């Protein structure tokens, strides 16, 4: 169930990860932006995203029962 859930949302997960990588890339190029603060923001963003995906998968796949 969880595998199918993640496969259905694979494009959104990749888009999110690509945006996080882009934020880190911009921080690496621009010397005025401190990298540790950007890494902290990206870490918190990924953590919140994982909590969101976990909660969403539990609520959406919790409706299905095995027959």
N, C-alpha and C. Protein backbone atom coordinates (compact mmCIF):
# COMPACT_ATOMS: atom_id res chain seq x y z
N UNK A 1 0.81 -1.20 0.00
CA UNK A 1 0.00 0.00 0.00
C UNK A 1 0.85 1.26 0.00
N UNK A 2 1.84 1.28 0.88
CA UNK A 2 2.68 2.48 0.97
C UNK A 2 3.51 2.63 -0.30
N UNK A 3 3.96 1.52 -0.86
CA UNK A 3 4.73 1.57 -2.10
C UNK A 3 3.92 2.16 -3.25
N UNK A 4 2.67 1.73 -3.36
CA UNK A 4 1.80 2.29 -4.41
C UNK A 4 1.53 3.77 -4.16
N UNK A 5 1.37 4.12 -2.91
CA UNK A 5 1.13 5.52 -2.56
C UNK A 5 2.32 6.38 -2.99
N UNK A 6 3.53 5.91 -2.69
CA UNK A 6 4.72 6.68 -3.06
C UNK A 6 4.93 6.71 -4.57
N UNK A 7 4.60 5.62 -5.26
CA UNK A 7 4.72 5.62 -6.72
C UNK A 7 3.76 6.61 -7.36
N UNK A 8 2.57 6.75 -6.80
CA UNK A 8 1.60 7.70 -7.34
C UNK A 8 2.06 9.14 -7.17
N UNK A 9 2.84 9.40 -6.15
CA UNK A 9 3.28 10.76 -5.87
C UNK A 9 4.76 10.98 -6.15
N UNK A 10 5.37 10.09 -6.92
CA UNK A 10 6.80 10.15 -7.18
C UNK A 10 7.22 11.46 -7.84
N UNK A 11 6.41 11.96 -8.78
CA UNK A 11 6.77 13.20 -9.47
C UNK A 11 6.77 14.38 -8.50
N UNK A 12 5.84 14.42 -7.56
CA UNK A 12 5.81 15.51 -6.59
C UNK A 12 6.98 15.42 -5.62
N UNK A 13 7.34 14.20 -5.25
CA UNK A 13 8.49 14.02 -4.35
C UNK A 13 9.77 14.46 -5.04
N UNK A 14 9.94 14.08 -6.30
CA UNK A 14 11.13 14.51 -7.05
C UNK A 14 11.16 16.01 -7.25
N UNK A 15 10.01 16.62 -7.49
CA UNK A 15 9.96 18.07 -7.63
C UNK A 15 10.37 18.75 -6.34
N UNK A 16 9.91 18.26 -5.22
CA UNK A 16 10.28 18.83 -3.93
C UNK A 16 11.78 18.71 -3.69
N UNK A 17 12.34 17.52 -3.97
CA UNK A 17 13.77 17.32 -3.77
C UNK A 17 14.60 18.18 -4.72
N UNK A 18 14.12 18.36 -5.94
CA UNK A 18 14.82 19.22 -6.89
C UNK A 18 14.82 20.68 -6.42
N UNK A 19 13.71 21.12 -5.86
CA UNK A 19 13.65 22.50 -5.34
C UNK A 19 14.60 22.68 -4.16
N UNK A 20 14.69 21.67 -3.31
CA UNK A 20 15.63 21.75 -2.19
C UNK A 20 17.07 21.78 -2.68
N UNK A 21 17.38 20.98 -3.70
CA UNK A 21 18.72 20.98 -4.28
C UNK A 21 19.02 22.32 -4.93
N UNK A 22 18.02 22.93 -5.56
CA UNK A 22 18.21 24.24 -6.18
C UNK A 22 18.50 25.31 -5.13
N UNK A 23 17.83 25.24 -3.99
CA UNK A 23 18.09 26.20 -2.91
C UNK A 23 19.52 26.05 -2.40
N UNK A 24 19.97 24.82 -2.24
CA UNK A 24 21.35 24.59 -1.80
C UNK A 24 22.33 25.07 -2.87
N UNK A 25 22.03 24.85 -4.14
CA UNK A 25 22.89 25.29 -5.23
C UNK A 25 23.03 26.81 -5.24
N UNK A 26 21.92 27.51 -5.06
CA UNK A 26 21.97 28.98 -5.03
C UNK A 26 22.80 29.45 -3.84
N UNK A 27 22.68 28.79 -2.71
CA UNK A 27 23.46 29.16 -1.53
C UNK A 27 24.94 28.92 -1.76
N UNK A 28 25.28 27.88 -2.51
CA UNK A 28 26.68 27.62 -2.80
C UNK A 28 27.27 28.65 -3.75
N UNK A 29 26.47 29.12 -4.69
CA UNK A 29 26.95 30.11 -5.66
C UNK A 29 27.07 31.49 -5.03
N UNK A 30 26.08 31.90 -4.27
CA UNK A 30 26.06 33.24 -3.68
C UNK A 30 26.82 33.23 -2.36
N UNK A 31 27.89 33.97 -2.32
CA UNK A 31 28.73 33.99 -1.11
C UNK A 31 28.09 34.77 0.03
N UNK A 32 27.11 35.62 -0.28
CA UNK A 32 26.47 36.43 0.76
C UNK A 32 25.50 35.61 1.62
N UNK A 33 25.07 34.47 1.11
CA UNK A 33 24.12 33.64 1.85
C UNK A 33 24.91 32.60 2.64
N UNK A 34 24.78 32.60 3.96
CA UNK A 34 25.52 31.61 4.75
C UNK A 34 24.96 30.20 4.54
N UNK A 35 25.83 29.28 4.21
CA UNK A 35 25.41 27.91 3.90
C UNK A 35 24.79 27.18 5.08
N UNK A 36 25.33 27.31 6.31
CA UNK A 36 24.70 26.56 7.43
C UNK A 36 23.24 26.93 7.66
N UNK A 37 22.89 28.19 7.49
CA UNK A 37 21.49 28.58 7.70
C UNK A 37 20.60 28.01 6.60
N UNK A 38 21.10 27.96 5.37
CA UNK A 38 20.32 27.37 4.29
C UNK A 38 20.16 25.86 4.51
N UNK A 39 21.22 25.21 4.96
CA UNK A 39 21.11 23.77 5.24
C UNK A 39 20.13 23.50 6.37
N UNK A 40 20.08 24.40 7.34
CA UNK A 40 19.11 24.26 8.43
C UNK A 40 17.68 24.39 7.90
N UNK A 41 17.46 25.35 7.05
CA UNK A 41 16.12 25.55 6.48
C UNK A 41 15.73 24.36 5.62
N UNK A 42 16.66 23.86 4.81
CA UNK A 42 16.37 22.69 3.96
C UNK A 42 16.10 21.47 4.82
N UNK A 43 16.88 21.29 5.88
CA UNK A 43 16.65 20.16 6.78
C UNK A 43 15.26 20.22 7.40
N UNK A 44 14.87 21.38 7.89
CA UNK A 44 13.54 21.51 8.48
C UNK A 44 12.44 21.30 7.44
N UNK A 45 12.67 21.79 6.24
CA UNK A 45 11.69 21.62 5.17
C UNK A 45 11.52 20.15 4.82
N UNK A 46 12.62 19.42 4.71
CA UNK A 46 12.55 17.99 4.40
C UNK A 46 11.88 17.23 5.55
N UNK A 47 12.19 17.60 6.77
CA UNK A 47 11.58 16.95 7.93
C UNK A 47 10.07 17.15 7.94
N UNK A 48 9.63 18.37 7.71
CA UNK A 48 8.19 18.66 7.65
C UNK A 48 7.54 17.92 6.49
N UNK A 49 8.24 17.85 5.35
CA UNK A 49 7.71 17.13 4.20
C UNK A 49 7.55 15.64 4.50
N UNK A 50 8.52 15.04 5.18
CA UNK A 50 8.42 13.62 5.54
C UNK A 50 7.27 13.36 6.50
N UNK A 51 7.09 14.26 7.45
CA UNK A 51 5.95 14.12 8.37
C UNK A 51 4.64 14.24 7.62
N UNK A 52 4.58 15.18 6.69
CA UNK A 52 3.37 15.38 5.89
C UNK A 52 3.06 14.15 5.03
N UNK A 53 4.08 13.62 4.35
CA UNK A 53 3.88 12.45 3.49
C UNK A 53 3.45 11.24 4.32
N UNK A 54 4.06 11.07 5.49
CA UNK A 54 3.70 9.96 6.37
C UNK A 54 2.25 10.07 6.82
N UNK A 55 1.86 11.26 7.25
CA UNK A 55 0.49 11.47 7.71
C UNK A 55 -0.50 11.29 6.56
N UNK A 56 -0.16 11.81 5.40
CA UNK A 56 -1.05 11.69 4.24
C UNK A 56 -1.21 10.24 3.82
N UNK A 57 -0.12 9.48 3.83
CA UNK A 57 -0.22 8.08 3.43
C UNK A 57 -1.04 7.27 4.43
N UNK A 58 -0.92 7.59 5.71
CA UNK A 58 -1.71 6.87 6.71
C UNK A 58 -3.20 7.18 6.58
N UNK A 59 -3.54 8.41 6.30
CA UNK A 59 -4.95 8.75 6.17
C UNK A 59 -5.54 8.23 4.88
N UNK A 60 -4.77 8.26 3.78
CA UNK A 60 -5.33 7.82 2.50
C UNK A 60 -5.33 6.30 2.36
N UNK A 61 -4.31 5.64 2.87
CA UNK A 61 -4.31 4.17 2.74
C UNK A 61 -5.03 3.51 3.90
N UNK A 62 -5.38 4.24 4.93
CA UNK A 62 -6.13 3.69 6.04
C UNK A 62 -7.56 3.36 5.69
N UNK A 63 -8.05 3.94 4.60
CA UNK A 63 -9.42 3.67 4.17
C UNK A 63 -9.57 2.33 3.49
N UNK A 64 -8.46 1.83 2.96
CA UNK A 64 -8.52 0.56 2.21
C UNK A 64 -8.39 -0.61 3.18
N UNK A 65 -9.15 -1.65 2.90
CA UNK A 65 -9.06 -2.87 3.71
C UNK A 65 -8.68 -4.03 2.80
N UNK A 66 -8.01 -4.99 3.37
CA UNK A 66 -7.66 -6.18 2.60
C UNK A 66 -8.86 -7.10 2.50
N UNK A 67 -9.11 -7.57 1.32
CA UNK A 67 -10.26 -8.45 1.11
C UNK A 67 -9.77 -9.87 1.00
